[in-house]
Every structure is written in structure tokens, then in C-alpha cells.
């Protein structure tokens, strides 16, 4: 089965990969499936990929497995490029403010570095 990619996924520094490395195999498998979904379908259901209200273009990638909920923040660069940054296990109804602030900081850092190259 060949997939047609409409979006590219990019890992900014090692933030996502460090998070991913610590996950259980079944959670890693679900993240890989979700990233493939984001890469290949035009309209990704909000259940998996949702804009975070009150942010400057931060999206959360959502994965749930075995009653545990995981989130990875991301943002777009040039429509088709999805940049992944920090991830965490969600333990309460409200998304931790420090995680959103970190995602915002990393987004700003990414664009500043890109501009200065």
C-alpha cells in the first residue's frame, strides 16, 4: 500500500524524539499511526490533531491508549510542514500551562533560527 504524503513531519531538535523514546511500544505504535494520518489525509479529525485556542498557531497531536492520554505540540511552517516539539502525558482535564508556554517558546525559537540562517 503506497501512501501519498500531503504534509511532511519535522522534529525540531530532539524534543519529540526524547519524549518518544521513553514511551511504551503500544504508545509508540499509536503515535506513528497518528503521524501517518496527519501526513496523508486532507482533513485530520480533531480527535487526533487540534488547534489550541489562545495560542499562536500551536496544534496538539492527541493519542490515547490503555486509558492514558498523551499529547505532542506542533505548528506549521509553510502549510505542508508540521514541526513537532514537546510531548507529555496528560494527567488532568486541563492542559498544563507550562507545556503550552514551552511550545510557544520553541515555535518562536524555531522561526528565529530559521530567519537567522
N, C-alpha and C. Protein backbone atom coordinates (compact mmCIF):
# COMPACT_ATOMS: atom_id res chain seq x y z
N UNK A 1 0.84 -1.18 0.00
CA UNK A 1 0.00 0.00 0.00
C UNK A 1 0.89 1.25 0.00
N UNK A 2 0.75 2.08 -1.00
CA UNK A 2 1.58 3.28 -1.03
C UNK A 2 0.76 4.48 -0.58
N UNK A 3 1.34 5.26 0.28
CA UNK A 3 0.68 6.44 0.84
C UNK A 3 1.10 7.67 0.04
N UNK A 4 0.19 8.58 -0.16
CA UNK A 4 0.51 9.85 -0.79
C UNK A 4 0.62 10.89 0.32
N UNK A 5 1.81 11.41 0.49
CA UNK A 5 2.04 12.37 1.56
C UNK A 5 1.65 13.76 1.11
N UNK A 6 0.83 14.42 1.92
CA UNK A 6 0.43 15.79 1.61
C UNK A 6 1.03 16.76 2.62
N UNK A 7 1.58 16.22 3.71
CA UNK A 7 2.28 17.02 4.71
C UNK A 7 3.55 16.30 5.11
N UNK A 8 4.58 17.06 5.42
CA UNK A 8 5.82 16.49 5.94
C UNK A 8 5.90 16.76 7.43
N UNK A 9 6.49 15.81 8.14
CA UNK A 9 6.67 15.94 9.58
C UNK A 9 8.15 16.20 9.84
N UNK A 10 8.44 17.17 10.71
CA UNK A 10 9.81 17.52 11.03
C UNK A 10 9.93 17.58 12.55
N UNK A 11 10.98 17.00 13.09
CA UNK A 11 11.21 17.03 14.54
C UNK A 11 12.16 18.17 14.84
N UNK A 12 11.71 19.15 15.62
CA UNK A 12 12.57 20.26 15.97
C UNK A 12 13.49 19.82 17.10
N UNK A 13 14.79 19.87 16.82
CA UNK A 13 15.82 19.40 17.75
C UNK A 13 15.44 18.01 18.23
N UNK A 14 15.63 17.69 19.51
CA UNK A 14 15.31 16.34 19.98
C UNK A 14 14.11 16.30 20.91
N UNK A 15 13.32 17.36 20.97
CA UNK A 15 12.22 17.42 21.93
C UNK A 15 11.26 16.24 21.76
N UNK A 16 10.75 16.05 20.56
CA UNK A 16 9.80 14.96 20.33
C UNK A 16 10.49 13.60 20.47
N UNK A 17 11.65 13.46 19.88
CA UNK A 17 12.33 12.16 19.89
C UNK A 17 12.70 11.71 21.31
N UNK A 18 13.12 12.64 22.17
CA UNK A 18 13.41 12.30 23.57
C UNK A 18 12.15 11.81 24.28
N UNK A 19 11.02 12.47 24.02
CA UNK A 19 9.73 12.07 24.59
C UNK A 19 9.34 10.68 24.06
N UNK A 20 9.42 10.52 22.74
CA UNK A 20 9.00 9.29 22.07
C UNK A 20 9.80 8.08 22.57
N UNK A 21 11.09 8.27 22.77
CA UNK A 21 11.99 7.20 23.19
C UNK A 21 11.55 6.55 24.51
N UNK A 22 10.93 7.32 25.39
CA UNK A 22 10.54 6.83 26.72
C UNK A 22 9.17 6.14 26.75
N UNK A 23 8.46 6.17 25.62
CA UNK A 23 7.11 5.61 25.58
C UNK A 23 7.11 4.08 25.45
N UNK A 24 6.02 3.47 25.89
CA UNK A 24 5.83 2.02 25.74
C UNK A 24 5.60 1.72 24.26
N UNK A 25 5.95 0.49 23.81
CA UNK A 25 5.80 0.14 22.39
C UNK A 25 4.41 0.39 21.81
N UNK A 26 3.35 0.11 22.57
CA UNK A 26 2.00 0.32 22.02
C UNK A 26 1.68 1.80 21.85
N UNK A 27 2.26 2.66 22.69
CA UNK A 27 2.04 4.10 22.56
C UNK A 27 2.84 4.61 21.36
N UNK A 28 4.06 4.12 21.19
CA UNK A 28 4.88 4.50 20.02
C UNK A 28 4.16 4.13 18.73
N UNK A 29 3.58 2.94 18.70
CA UNK A 29 2.86 2.47 17.51
C UNK A 29 1.68 3.40 17.20
N UNK A 30 0.95 3.81 18.23
CA UNK A 30 -0.20 4.70 18.03
C UNK A 30 0.26 6.09 17.57
N UNK A 31 1.37 6.59 18.11
CA UNK A 31 1.90 7.88 17.63
C UNK A 31 2.31 7.78 16.17
N UNK A 32 2.98 6.70 15.81
CA UNK A 32 3.40 6.53 14.40
C UNK A 32 2.18 6.49 13.48
N UNK A 33 1.14 5.79 13.90
CA UNK A 33 -0.09 5.70 13.11
C UNK A 33 -0.72 7.09 12.96
N UNK A 34 -0.77 7.83 14.08
CA UNK A 34 -1.37 9.17 14.07
C UNK A 34 -0.58 10.13 13.19
N UNK A 35 0.75 10.06 13.24
CA UNK A 35 1.57 10.93 12.39
C UNK A 35 1.39 10.58 10.91
N UNK A 36 1.21 9.30 10.62
CA UNK A 36 0.93 8.89 9.23
C UNK A 36 -0.40 9.48 8.78
N UNK A 37 -1.39 9.44 9.65
CA UNK A 37 -2.70 10.02 9.36
C UNK A 37 -2.56 11.51 9.03
N UNK A 38 -1.84 12.23 9.88
CA UNK A 38 -1.64 13.67 9.69
C UNK A 38 -0.91 13.94 8.37
N UNK A 39 0.00 13.06 8.01
CA UNK A 39 0.80 13.23 6.79
C UNK A 39 0.02 12.93 5.51
N UNK A 40 -1.01 12.11 5.61
CA UNK A 40 -1.62 11.59 4.39
C UNK A 40 -3.08 11.93 4.15
N UNK A 41 -3.81 12.42 5.13
CA UNK A 41 -5.21 12.76 4.84
C UNK A 41 -5.44 14.26 4.92
N UNK A 42 -6.32 14.73 4.04
CA UNK A 42 -6.58 16.16 3.91
C UNK A 42 -7.16 16.76 5.19
N UNK A 43 -8.22 16.16 5.69
CA UNK A 43 -8.91 16.68 6.87
C UNK A 43 -8.71 15.71 8.03
N UNK A 44 -7.81 16.05 8.91
CA UNK A 44 -7.50 15.20 10.06
C UNK A 44 -8.55 15.46 11.14
N UNK A 45 -9.20 14.40 11.65
CA UNK A 45 -10.20 14.61 12.70
C UNK A 45 -9.60 15.30 13.93
N UNK A 46 -10.38 16.20 14.54
CA UNK A 46 -9.92 16.93 15.73
C UNK A 46 -9.52 16.01 16.86
N UNK A 47 -10.06 14.82 16.86
CA UNK A 47 -9.72 13.84 17.90
C UNK A 47 -8.20 13.59 17.93
N UNK A 48 -7.55 13.72 16.77
CA UNK A 48 -6.11 13.44 16.65
C UNK A 48 -5.24 14.68 16.52
N UNK A 49 -5.79 15.76 15.96
CA UNK A 49 -4.98 16.93 15.60
C UNK A 49 -5.85 18.17 15.73
N UNK A 50 -5.56 18.99 16.74
CA UNK A 50 -6.46 20.10 17.04
C UNK A 50 -5.68 21.38 17.36
N UNK A 51 -6.19 22.50 16.83
CA UNK A 51 -5.59 23.80 17.13
C UNK A 51 -5.87 24.14 18.58
N UNK A 52 -4.86 24.66 19.27
CA UNK A 52 -5.00 25.06 20.67
C UNK A 52 -5.49 26.51 20.72
N UNK A 53 -6.70 26.71 21.18
CA UNK A 53 -7.29 28.04 21.30
C UNK A 53 -6.41 28.92 22.19
N UNK A 54 -6.26 30.17 21.78
CA UNK A 54 -5.50 31.13 22.58
C UNK A 54 -4.00 31.04 22.37
N UNK A 55 -3.55 30.30 21.34
CA UNK A 55 -2.12 30.20 21.05
C UNK A 55 -1.83 30.81 19.69
N UNK A 56 -0.55 30.97 19.39
CA UNK A 56 -0.15 31.49 18.08
C UNK A 56 0.16 30.33 17.14
N UNK A 57 -0.86 29.59 16.76
CA UNK A 57 -0.68 28.52 15.78
C UNK A 57 -0.15 27.21 16.34
N UNK A 58 -0.37 26.95 17.62
CA UNK A 58 0.06 25.68 18.20
C UNK A 58 -1.07 24.66 18.05
N UNK A 59 -0.70 23.47 17.62
CA UNK A 59 -1.65 22.35 17.49
C UNK A 59 -1.22 21.25 18.43
N UNK A 60 -2.21 20.47 18.90
CA UNK A 60 -1.84 19.32 19.71
C UNK A 60 -2.19 18.06 18.94
N UNK A 61 -1.26 17.12 18.98
CA UNK A 61 -1.47 15.79 18.43
C UNK A 61 -1.86 14.94 19.63
N UNK A 62 -3.00 14.26 19.51
CA UNK A 62 -3.56 13.55 20.65
C UNK A 62 -3.55 12.05 20.42
N UNK A 63 -3.07 11.33 21.43
CA UNK A 63 -3.05 9.87 21.38
C UNK A 63 -3.56 9.35 22.71
N UNK A 64 -4.46 8.37 22.62
CA UNK A 64 -4.98 7.74 23.83
C UNK A 64 -4.82 6.24 23.68
N UNK A 65 -4.26 5.62 24.69
CA UNK A 65 -4.09 4.18 24.67
C UNK A 65 -4.08 3.64 26.09
N UNK A 66 -4.82 2.58 26.31
CA UNK A 66 -4.86 1.95 27.62
C UNK A 66 -5.29 2.88 28.73
N UNK A 67 -6.19 3.81 28.44
CA UNK A 67 -6.66 4.75 29.44
C UNK A 67 -5.71 5.91 29.71
N UNK A 68 -4.55 5.92 29.06
CA UNK A 68 -3.59 7.01 29.21
C UNK A 68 -3.70 7.95 28.02
N UNK A 69 -3.49 9.23 28.29
CA UNK A 69 -3.59 10.25 27.24
C UNK A 69 -2.24 10.93 27.08
N UNK A 70 -1.81 11.06 25.84
CA UNK A 70 -0.52 11.69 25.52
C UNK A 70 -0.76 12.82 24.53
N UNK A 71 0.06 13.85 24.64
CA UNK A 71 -0.04 15.00 23.75
C UNK A 71 1.35 15.39 23.26
N UNK A 72 1.38 15.83 22.01
CA UNK A 72 2.60 16.43 21.45
C UNK A 72 2.15 17.73 20.79
N UNK A 73 2.86 18.80 21.09
CA UNK A 73 2.54 20.07 20.45
C UNK A 73 3.32 20.21 19.15
N UNK A 74 2.70 20.93 18.23
CA UNK A 74 3.30 21.12 16.91
C UNK A 74 2.81 22.45 16.34
N UNK A 75 3.38 22.82 15.21
CA UNK A 75 2.95 24.02 14.50
C UNK A 75 3.31 23.85 13.04
N UNK A 76 2.75 24.70 12.20
CA UNK A 76 3.00 24.63 10.76
C UNK A 76 4.09 25.61 10.35
N UNK A 77 4.84 25.20 9.34
CA UNK A 77 5.77 26.09 8.65
C UNK A 77 5.48 25.89 7.17
N UNK A 78 5.00 26.90 6.50
CA UNK A 78 4.67 26.82 5.06
C UNK A 78 3.61 25.77 4.76
N UNK A 79 2.48 25.82 5.38
CA UNK A 79 1.31 24.97 5.12
C UNK A 79 1.52 23.47 5.23
N UNK A 80 2.51 22.92 4.53
CA UNK A 80 2.63 21.46 4.44
C UNK A 80 3.65 20.85 5.40
N UNK A 81 4.37 21.67 6.15
CA UNK A 81 5.41 21.16 7.03
C UNK A 81 4.93 21.28 8.48
N UNK A 82 4.81 20.14 9.14
CA UNK A 82 4.36 20.11 10.54
C UNK A 82 5.61 19.91 11.41
N UNK A 83 5.85 20.85 12.31
CA UNK A 83 7.01 20.81 13.18
C UNK A 83 6.58 20.28 14.55
N UNK A 84 7.17 19.17 15.00
CA UNK A 84 6.83 18.60 16.30
C UNK A 84 7.80 19.12 17.35
N UNK A 85 7.23 19.48 18.51
CA UNK A 85 8.08 19.95 19.62
C UNK A 85 7.81 19.09 20.85
N UNK A 86 7.46 19.69 21.96
CA UNK A 86 7.37 18.96 23.24
C UNK A 86 6.16 18.03 23.35
N UNK A 87 6.38 16.93 24.05
CA UNK A 87 5.32 15.97 24.33
C UNK A 87 5.23 15.68 25.81
N UNK A 88 4.07 15.20 26.25
CA UNK A 88 3.88 14.89 27.66
C UNK A 88 2.69 13.96 27.82
N UNK A 89 2.61 13.31 28.97
CA UNK A 89 1.44 12.50 29.30
C UNK A 89 0.48 13.40 30.05
N UNK A 90 -0.74 13.45 29.59
CA UNK A 90 -1.75 14.32 30.20
C UNK A 90 -2.38 13.58 31.38
N UNK A 91 -2.34 14.21 32.55
CA UNK A 91 -2.84 13.56 33.75
C UNK A 91 -4.06 14.25 34.35
N UNK A 92 -4.48 15.37 33.76
CA UNK A 92 -5.66 16.07 34.26
C UNK A 92 -6.47 16.60 33.08
N UNK A 93 -7.65 17.10 33.35
CA UNK A 93 -8.51 17.62 32.28
C UNK A 93 -7.89 18.82 31.58
N UNK A 94 -7.24 19.68 32.35
CA UNK A 94 -6.67 20.91 31.80
C UNK A 94 -5.23 20.67 31.32
N UNK A 95 -4.93 21.17 30.13
CA UNK A 95 -3.57 21.05 29.61
C UNK A 95 -2.65 21.94 30.44
N UNK A 96 -1.52 21.39 30.92
CA UNK A 96 -0.60 22.19 31.75
C UNK A 96 -0.11 23.45 31.01
N UNK A 97 -0.26 24.59 31.68
CA UNK A 97 0.13 25.88 31.10
C UNK A 97 1.61 25.90 30.73
N UNK A 98 2.45 25.26 31.55
CA UNK A 98 3.90 25.29 31.28
C UNK A 98 4.22 24.55 29.98
N UNK A 99 3.43 23.53 29.63
CA UNK A 99 3.66 22.81 28.37
C UNK A 99 3.29 23.68 27.17
N UNK A 100 2.20 24.42 27.30
CA UNK A 100 1.79 25.34 26.21
C UNK A 100 2.84 26.45 26.06
N UNK A 101 3.30 26.98 27.19
CA UNK A 101 4.32 28.05 27.16
C UNK A 101 5.61 27.55 26.53
N UNK A 102 5.99 26.30 26.82
CA UNK A 102 7.19 25.72 26.21
C UNK A 102 7.01 25.59 24.71
N UNK A 103 5.84 25.13 24.27
CA UNK A 103 5.58 25.00 22.83
C UNK A 103 5.67 26.37 22.14
N UNK A 104 5.10 27.38 22.76
CA UNK A 104 5.17 28.74 22.20
C UNK A 104 6.62 29.21 22.10
N UNK A 105 7.39 28.96 23.15
CA UNK A 105 8.81 29.36 23.19
C UNK A 105 9.59 28.63 22.08
N UNK A 106 9.33 27.34 21.90
CA UNK A 106 10.04 26.56 20.89
C UNK A 106 9.64 26.99 19.48
N UNK A 107 8.39 27.35 19.29
CA UNK A 107 7.94 27.85 17.98
C UNK A 107 8.69 29.13 17.63
N UNK A 108 8.75 30.03 18.60
CA UNK A 108 9.46 31.31 18.39
C UNK A 108 10.94 31.05 18.10
N UNK A 109 11.54 30.17 18.87
CA UNK A 109 12.96 29.82 18.70
C UNK A 109 13.21 29.23 17.30
N UNK A 110 12.32 28.34 16.85
CA UNK A 110 12.43 27.72 15.53
C UNK A 110 12.46 28.79 14.43
N UNK A 111 11.49 29.70 14.46
CA UNK A 111 11.41 30.73 13.41
C UNK A 111 12.55 31.73 13.51
N UNK A 112 13.01 32.03 14.72
CA UNK A 112 14.18 32.93 14.87
C UNK A 112 15.42 32.29 14.27
N UNK A 113 15.65 31.00 14.55
CA UNK A 113 16.80 30.31 13.99
C UNK A 113 16.72 30.23 12.48
N UNK A 114 15.53 29.97 11.97
CA UNK A 114 15.33 29.86 10.52
C UNK A 114 15.61 31.21 9.84
N UNK A 115 15.16 32.27 10.47
CA UNK A 115 15.34 33.62 9.92
C UNK A 115 16.81 34.03 9.92
N UNK A 116 17.56 33.57 10.90
CA UNK A 116 18.96 33.96 11.04
C UNK A 116 19.93 33.05 10.29
N UNK A 117 19.44 32.13 9.51
CA UNK A 117 20.33 31.25 8.73
C UNK A 117 20.73 31.89 7.44
